[in-house]
Protein backbone atom coordinates (compact mmCIF):
# COMPACT_ATOMS: atom_id res chain seq x y z
CA MET A 1 -17.44 8.67 11.83
CA ILE A 2 -13.96 8.10 10.48
CA GLU A 3 -12.01 10.99 9.41
CA THR A 4 -11.07 12.31 5.22
CA VAL A 5 -7.45 14.41 5.68
CA THR A 6 -7.40 16.46 2.28
CA ARG A 7 -3.50 15.71 0.77
CA PRO A 8 -1.48 14.42 4.32
CA HIS A 9 1.03 14.12 2.10
CA ARG A 10 1.40 17.17 1.25
CA GLU A 11 2.14 18.87 3.94
CA HIS A 12 3.61 16.96 5.77
CA ILE A 13 6.89 16.45 4.03
CA VAL A 14 7.00 19.95 3.72
CA ARG A 15 6.91 19.82 7.95
CA TRP A 16 8.94 16.80 8.18
CA ALA A 17 11.85 17.35 5.71
CA ALA A 18 13.00 21.54 7.22
CA HIS A 19 15.06 19.84 9.62
CA ARG A 20 16.79 17.37 7.13
CA PRO A 21 18.14 19.34 5.01
CA GLU A 22 19.88 16.36 3.50
CA VAL A 23 16.09 15.21 2.89
CA LEU A 24 15.72 16.06 -1.30
CA VAL A 25 12.51 15.44 -3.76
CA LEU A 26 12.73 14.48 -7.39
CA SER A 27 9.45 14.63 -9.34
CA ALA A 28 9.04 13.45 -13.68
CA ASP A 29 6.93 16.00 -14.30
CA LEU A 30 4.26 14.86 -11.92
CA THR A 31 4.78 17.07 -9.89
CA ALA A 32 0.90 18.34 -8.36
CA SER A 33 -0.36 15.32 -9.27
CA CYS A 34 2.00 13.57 -6.54
CA GLU A 35 1.77 16.46 -4.05
CA ALA A 36 5.26 17.46 -4.53
CA ASP A 37 4.23 21.73 -5.11
CA ALA A 38 4.43 22.55 -1.86
CA PHE A 39 7.55 20.93 -1.23
CA ARG A 40 9.10 22.64 -4.56
CA ASP A 41 7.78 26.39 -3.15
CA ALA A 42 9.75 25.27 0.25
CA TYR A 43 12.71 24.54 -0.88
CA PRO A 44 13.82 25.00 -4.14
CA ASP A 45 17.07 24.33 -4.48
CA ARG A 46 16.54 21.01 -2.54
CA PHE A 47 13.64 19.69 -5.46
CA TYR A 48 14.68 18.21 -8.42
CA SER A 49 12.22 18.26 -12.21
CA LEU A 50 13.81 15.65 -14.20
CA GLY A 51 11.23 16.08 -16.35
CA MET A 52 9.68 12.62 -17.90
CA ALA A 53 13.08 10.67 -17.85
CA GLU A 54 12.70 7.84 -14.51
CA GLN A 55 15.55 5.94 -16.13
CA ASN A 56 17.67 8.76 -15.87
CA MET A 57 16.32 9.96 -12.36
CA MET A 58 16.96 6.78 -11.31
CA GLY A 59 20.91 7.29 -12.21
CA PHE A 60 20.84 10.61 -10.83
CA ALA A 61 19.34 10.18 -7.67
CA ALA A 62 21.69 7.08 -6.95
CA GLY A 63 24.10 9.87 -7.57
CA LEU A 64 23.03 12.47 -5.24
CA ALA A 65 23.04 9.76 -2.39
CA ARG A 66 26.40 8.42 -2.82
CA GLU A 67 27.55 12.55 -2.12
CA GLY A 68 25.22 11.75 1.22
CA PHE A 69 21.95 13.26 0.26
CA PHE A 70 18.29 10.57 1.17
CA PRO A 71 16.27 11.66 -2.43
CA TYR A 72 12.98 11.37 -2.54
CA ILE A 73 11.86 10.58 -5.47
CA HIS A 74 7.83 10.93 -6.37
CA THR A 75 5.87 9.63 -9.70
CA PHE A 76 3.31 7.18 -10.37
CA ALA A 77 4.00 3.92 -8.97
CA VAL A 78 3.85 2.52 -12.42
CA PHE A 79 6.76 5.36 -13.94
CA VAL A 80 8.95 4.07 -10.52
CA THR A 81 8.96 -0.08 -10.71
CA ARG A 82 7.99 -1.34 -14.16
CA ARG A 83 9.89 1.59 -16.63
CA PRO A 84 12.40 1.89 -14.80
CA PHE A 85 13.37 -1.56 -13.60
CA ASP A 86 16.47 -2.00 -14.24
CA GLN A 87 18.06 1.24 -13.17
CA VAL A 88 16.68 0.60 -9.83
CA ALA A 89 18.24 -2.66 -9.60
CA MET A 90 21.44 -1.87 -11.02
CA SER A 91 21.92 2.16 -9.88
CA ILE A 92 20.19 2.24 -6.79
CA ALA A 93 19.52 -1.58 -4.67
CA TYR A 94 22.47 -3.22 -5.74
CA PRO A 95 24.96 -0.58 -3.98
CA ASN A 96 22.06 -0.52 -0.97
CA LEU A 97 21.64 3.16 -1.48
CA PRO A 98 19.42 5.19 0.75
CA VAL A 99 16.84 6.59 -1.59
CA ARG A 100 13.00 6.18 -1.12
CA LEU A 101 11.01 5.52 -4.48
CA VAL A 102 7.83 7.12 -3.26
CA GLY A 103 4.96 5.79 -5.84
CA PHE A 104 1.30 6.66 -6.33
CA LEU A 105 -1.47 5.49 -7.67
CA PRO A 106 -0.57 2.39 -6.57
CA GLY A 107 -3.48 -0.78 -7.40
CA LEU A 108 -6.87 0.40 -8.38
CA THR A 109 -6.57 4.40 -6.98
CA THR A 110 -6.94 5.52 -10.35
CA PRO A 111 -9.45 5.58 -12.98
CA GLY A 112 -7.20 5.91 -15.30
CA GLY A 113 -6.77 2.14 -16.30
CA VAL A 114 -3.96 -0.54 -17.88
CA THR A 115 -0.77 2.20 -18.29
CA HIS A 116 -1.45 4.18 -14.72
CA GLN A 117 -2.71 1.39 -12.68
CA ALA A 118 -0.18 -0.34 -10.16
CA ILE A 119 -1.08 -4.21 -10.26
CA ASP A 120 1.99 -5.48 -10.02
CA ASP A 121 4.47 -2.91 -8.52
CA VAL A 122 4.61 -5.34 -4.92
CA GLY A 123 6.28 -7.55 -6.70
CA LEU A 124 8.52 -6.36 -8.36
CA MET A 125 10.08 -4.33 -5.88
CA ARG A 126 9.83 -7.67 -3.52
CA LEU A 127 12.19 -9.34 -6.17
CA ILE A 128 14.86 -7.18 -5.62
CA PRO A 129 17.83 -8.00 -3.44
CA ASN A 130 17.56 -4.95 -0.78
CA MET A 131 14.91 -3.44 -1.09
CA THR A 132 12.14 -2.65 2.12
CA VAL A 133 8.49 -2.42 0.85
CA LEU A 134 5.60 -0.44 3.08
CA GLU A 135 2.72 0.57 1.82
CA ALA A 136 0.58 3.65 3.33
CA GLY A 137 -3.48 2.16 4.19
CA ASP A 138 -4.82 5.51 5.57
CA ALA A 139 -3.45 9.26 6.80
CA THR A 140 -1.86 8.34 9.65
CA GLU A 141 0.34 6.26 8.07
CA VAL A 142 0.98 7.73 4.68
CA THR A 143 2.77 10.63 7.49
CA SER A 144 4.74 8.86 9.78
CA VAL A 145 5.67 6.10 6.31
CA LEU A 146 8.57 8.41 6.33
CA ASP A 147 9.82 8.14 9.33
CA VAL A 148 9.81 4.70 8.66
CA ALA A 149 11.48 4.63 5.43
CA GLN A 150 14.01 7.37 7.00
CA ALA A 151 15.28 4.90 9.32
CA VAL A 152 16.46 2.32 6.86
CA ASP A 153 19.41 1.83 6.15
CA GLY A 154 18.93 0.98 2.22
CA PRO A 155 16.99 1.77 -0.62
CA VAL A 156 13.19 1.49 0.12
CA TYR A 157 9.64 1.65 -2.27
CA ILE A 158 6.30 2.97 -0.09
CA ARG A 159 2.98 2.86 -2.42
CA GLN A 160 1.80 5.78 -1.47
CA LEU A 161 -1.76 7.66 -1.15
CA ARG A 162 -2.91 11.03 -2.55
CA GLY A 163 -6.06 13.16 -2.85
CA GLU A 164 -8.67 12.50 0.58
CA VAL A 165 -7.37 10.26 3.15
CA PRO A 166 -8.85 7.95 5.79
CA ARG A 167 -8.04 8.35 8.71
CA LEU A 168 -8.41 4.80 10.09
CA PHE A 169 -5.70 4.28 12.44
CA ALA A 170 -5.24 7.32 15.00
CA GLU A 171 -2.01 9.70 14.92
CA ALA A 172 -1.10 8.51 18.32
CA GLU A 173 -1.03 5.54 16.35
CA PRO A 174 2.34 5.47 14.17
CA MET A 175 2.82 2.68 11.78
CA ARG A 176 5.74 0.58 12.35
CA LEU A 177 8.71 -1.35 10.29
CA GLY A 178 8.11 -4.79 10.62
CA CYS A 179 5.32 -4.56 12.67
CA ALA A 180 1.24 -5.86 11.62
CA ARG A 181 -1.59 -3.86 13.01
CA LEU A 182 -4.56 -6.26 15.02
CA LEU A 183 -7.45 -4.80 14.40
CA ALA A 184 -10.19 -7.58 15.30
CA SER A 185 -9.58 -10.70 17.40
CA GLY A 186 -11.06 -13.38 17.11
CA ASP A 187 -10.51 -17.76 16.19
CA ASP A 188 -12.24 -18.77 13.24
CA LEU A 189 -11.19 -16.68 10.25
CA CYS A 190 -8.33 -14.61 10.14
CA VAL A 191 -7.71 -11.70 7.13
CA ILE A 192 -4.59 -10.14 6.83
CA SER A 193 -5.30 -6.59 4.72
CA SER A 194 -3.04 -3.87 2.71
CA GLY A 195 -3.59 -0.35 1.84
CA ILE A 196 -6.82 0.39 0.08
CA CYS A 197 -8.04 -3.08 1.29
CA THR A 198 -8.17 -2.32 4.84
CA GLU A 199 -10.74 -0.77 4.96
CA GLU A 200 -13.12 -2.73 3.28
CA ALA A 201 -12.29 -5.23 5.25
CA MET A 202 -13.82 -3.75 8.61
CA ARG A 203 -16.32 -3.06 7.00
CA ALA A 204 -17.21 -6.86 7.21
CA ILE A 205 -15.78 -7.16 9.64
CA GLY A 206 -18.83 -6.35 12.01
CA ALA A 207 -21.35 -8.01 9.91
CA LEU A 208 -19.79 -11.77 9.86
CA ARG A 209 -18.67 -10.71 13.30
CA ALA A 210 -22.48 -10.84 13.82
CA HIS A 211 -23.26 -14.28 11.46
CA GLY A 212 -21.41 -16.11 14.61
CA ILE A 213 -17.81 -15.76 13.05
CA GLY A 214 -14.88 -14.45 14.94
CA VAL A 215 -12.21 -13.12 12.48
CA ARG A 216 -9.00 -11.87 13.39
CA HIS A 217 -7.99 -8.97 11.29
CA LEU A 218 -4.34 -7.88 10.64
CA HIS A 219 -3.37 -5.12 8.42
CA VAL A 220 -0.31 -5.01 7.31
CA SER A 221 2.24 -1.97 6.33
CA THR A 222 5.98 -3.95 5.80
CA LEU A 223 5.24 -6.23 2.20
CA LYS A 224 9.30 -6.77 2.57
CA PRO A 225 10.48 -7.86 5.11
CA PHE A 226 7.72 -10.41 5.18
CA ASP A 227 8.98 -11.74 9.37
CA ASP A 228 6.08 -10.65 11.23
CA GLN A 229 6.14 -13.35 14.41
CA ALA A 230 2.55 -11.30 14.71
CA VAL A 231 1.43 -12.05 11.13
CA LEU A 232 2.89 -15.85 12.03
CA GLU A 233 0.64 -16.94 15.15
CA ALA A 234 -2.20 -15.97 13.28
CA LEU A 235 -1.95 -17.39 9.97
CA ALA A 236 -1.58 -20.17 13.11
CA GLY A 237 -3.93 -19.40 15.52
CA VAL A 238 -7.48 -19.72 13.62
CA ARG A 239 -9.87 -22.71 12.31
CA LEU A 240 -11.43 -22.09 9.02
CA GLY A 241 -8.56 -19.76 7.18
CA VAL A 242 -7.20 -17.75 6.22
CA VAL A 243 -7.85 -15.04 3.74
CA THR A 244 -5.81 -12.17 2.05
CA MET A 245 -7.34 -8.81 0.77
CA GLU A 246 -4.83 -6.01 -1.96
CA ASN A 247 -4.90 -3.53 -4.67
CA HIS A 248 -2.68 -5.22 -6.15
CA SER A 249 -2.45 -8.99 -8.30
CA ILE A 250 -2.33 -12.30 -6.66
CA ILE A 251 0.85 -12.70 -7.70
CA GLY A 252 4.09 -11.67 -5.94
CA GLY A 253 2.02 -9.28 -3.78
CA LEU A 254 0.13 -9.98 0.00
CA GLY A 255 -1.19 -12.99 -0.82
CA ALA A 256 2.22 -14.82 -2.42
CA ALA A 257 4.00 -13.80 1.06
CA VAL A 258 1.03 -14.89 2.79
CA ALA A 259 1.79 -18.78 0.93
CA GLU A 260 5.13 -18.49 1.68
CA LEU A 261 5.03 -18.24 5.03
CA MET A 262 2.25 -20.56 5.66
CA ALA A 263 4.36 -23.10 3.36
CA GLU A 264 7.66 -22.83 5.43
CA HIS A 265 6.02 -22.51 8.49
CA GLY A 266 3.86 -25.74 7.48
CA ILE A 267 0.89 -23.84 8.51
CA GLY A 268 -1.67 -26.09 7.17
CA ARG A 269 -4.80 -23.89 6.52
CA ARG A 270 -6.32 -23.29 3.44
CA LEU A 271 -5.81 -19.79 1.88
CA LEU A 272 -8.15 -17.65 -0.11
CA ARG A 273 -6.74 -14.57 -2.20
CA LEU A 274 -8.41 -11.03 -2.95
CA GLY A 275 -7.02 -9.24 -5.69
CA LEU A 276 -6.31 -9.49 -9.37
CA LYS A 277 -6.35 -12.80 -11.15
CA ASP A 278 -3.71 -12.78 -13.61
CA THR A 279 -5.62 -9.36 -15.17
CA TYR A 280 -5.30 -6.44 -15.82
CA ALA A 281 -7.92 -3.78 -14.92
CA HIS A 282 -9.94 -1.29 -16.64
CA GLY A 283 -10.92 2.61 -16.06
CA ALA A 284 -13.49 2.92 -13.90
CA SER A 285 -13.79 4.66 -10.25
CA ARG A 286 -12.37 3.09 -7.15
CA PRO A 287 -15.53 1.47 -6.02
CA TYR A 288 -17.38 -0.17 -9.43
CA LEU A 289 -13.37 -1.81 -9.92
CA LEU A 290 -13.11 -2.50 -6.19
CA ARG A 291 -16.26 -4.76 -6.63
CA ASP A 292 -15.67 -5.94 -10.08
CA TYR A 293 -12.41 -7.20 -9.14
CA GLY A 294 -13.91 -8.80 -6.36
CA LEU A 295 -11.21 -6.99 -3.84
CA ASP A 296 -14.33 -5.40 -2.18
CA ALA A 297 -16.38 -5.50 1.40
CA ALA A 298 -18.98 -8.79 0.21
CA ALA A 299 -16.38 -9.76 -1.73
CA LEU A 300 -14.43 -11.36 1.38
CA VAL A 301 -17.78 -12.03 3.05
CA ARG A 302 -18.27 -14.27 -0.12
CA ALA A 303 -14.68 -15.75 0.98
CA ALA A 304 -15.82 -15.88 4.45
CA ALA A 305 -19.20 -17.98 3.58
CA ASP A 306 -17.08 -20.46 1.59
CA LEU A 307 -14.23 -21.35 3.92
CA ALA A 308 -17.17 -22.30 6.49
CA GLY A 309 -18.66 -24.35 4.07
CA GLU A 310 -21.79 -22.60 4.57
CA PRO A 311 -24.13 -19.91 2.38
CA LEU A 312 -24.17 -16.45 5.24
CA ASP A 313 -27.30 -14.12 4.93
CA ILE A 314 -25.08 -11.22 4.62
CA GLY A 315 -25.71 -8.52 1.76
CA ASP A 316 -25.09 -4.92 1.42
CA ASP A 317 -27.37 -3.40 3.63
CA ASP A 318 -25.84 -5.38 6.82
CA LEU A 319 -22.14 -4.08 5.10
CA ALA A 320 -21.99 -0.51 7.56
CA SER A 321 -19.76 1.43 5.41
CA VAL A 322 -16.49 2.50 7.53
CA ARG A 323 -16.50 5.55 4.74
CA LEU A 324 -18.13 6.30 2.15
CA GLY A 325 -16.44 5.24 -1.61
CA THR A 326 -16.75 8.41 -3.91
CA MET A 327 -13.97 10.50 -4.99
CA THR A 328 -13.66 13.53 -4.49
CA ALA A 329 -12.84 16.96 -6.30
CA ALA A 330 -9.28 16.66 -4.71
CA GLU A 331 -8.46 13.45 -5.73
CA LYS A 332 -9.46 14.02 -9.16
CA THR A 333 -6.37 15.78 -10.07
CA GLU A 334 -4.07 15.19 -12.79
CA ASP A 335 -5.85 11.39 -12.09
CA LEU A 336 -3.42 10.90 -15.52
């Protein structure tokens, strides 16, 4: 049974920052929604609420970083990347300042609709020179991502999870910069997933293997830089092809990064990218959205059948749940 951890970031950042007085937290009027309220209460002199003025907040954070502090900006991913893009690029990334941009509600993790669904944030942040891009996929990575980000000499963008988060990986196996996790081995199909799509992929892997398809499954948490030798070897070492799964548009995100890597190294395999296909999503529950836009376990089964060139007799009953996909009260905290 997979453990579910309630608001892992909220409590962890308080403990993690206890002996790091140079760490500050900035909020844009979404303090509780981004689980920064415990930090505010524990260290009021190290917390700044900038109101709904994200562009100004980026310049403010840049000034703090120039004075030797490490600002951790907390707001929704759309308000980190889309609204203040120029300020992030010019005030933070151009001078290579150690500002950590923590973006919540990545992709389809919110029913709030297009204004709150960050479906293009990875692509935007990958475009910016000097920017490191990380994504948490479970409770272990939600907490260990802070150590990874803090060790980077420059700006970091984090796709962060909130509310009730499954623990897919052991606490003794924290996130490591530029290192994918090998979750399953096989020689037929390579599956590369990130974020919440990894849990969906895990639901399908067992069923595929039971039907004779060996799957090599890697979970990626570093989306830039994207140069892990293990990923390259996995891509080249399977016979049927590659499937990427991401909670993002297929343009500019994980699928695009994998396509670039395959092209640059001459890896002649078919690549199917599961993600939002040049479209906006609408507001609904996470399980519904993942199913409707083809980001769930069933979508991976269909992709595997396509690459195998034959139908696979795998139904919903075969996709044993790793975790129930219901929305809990903790996840409903100020959805908007």
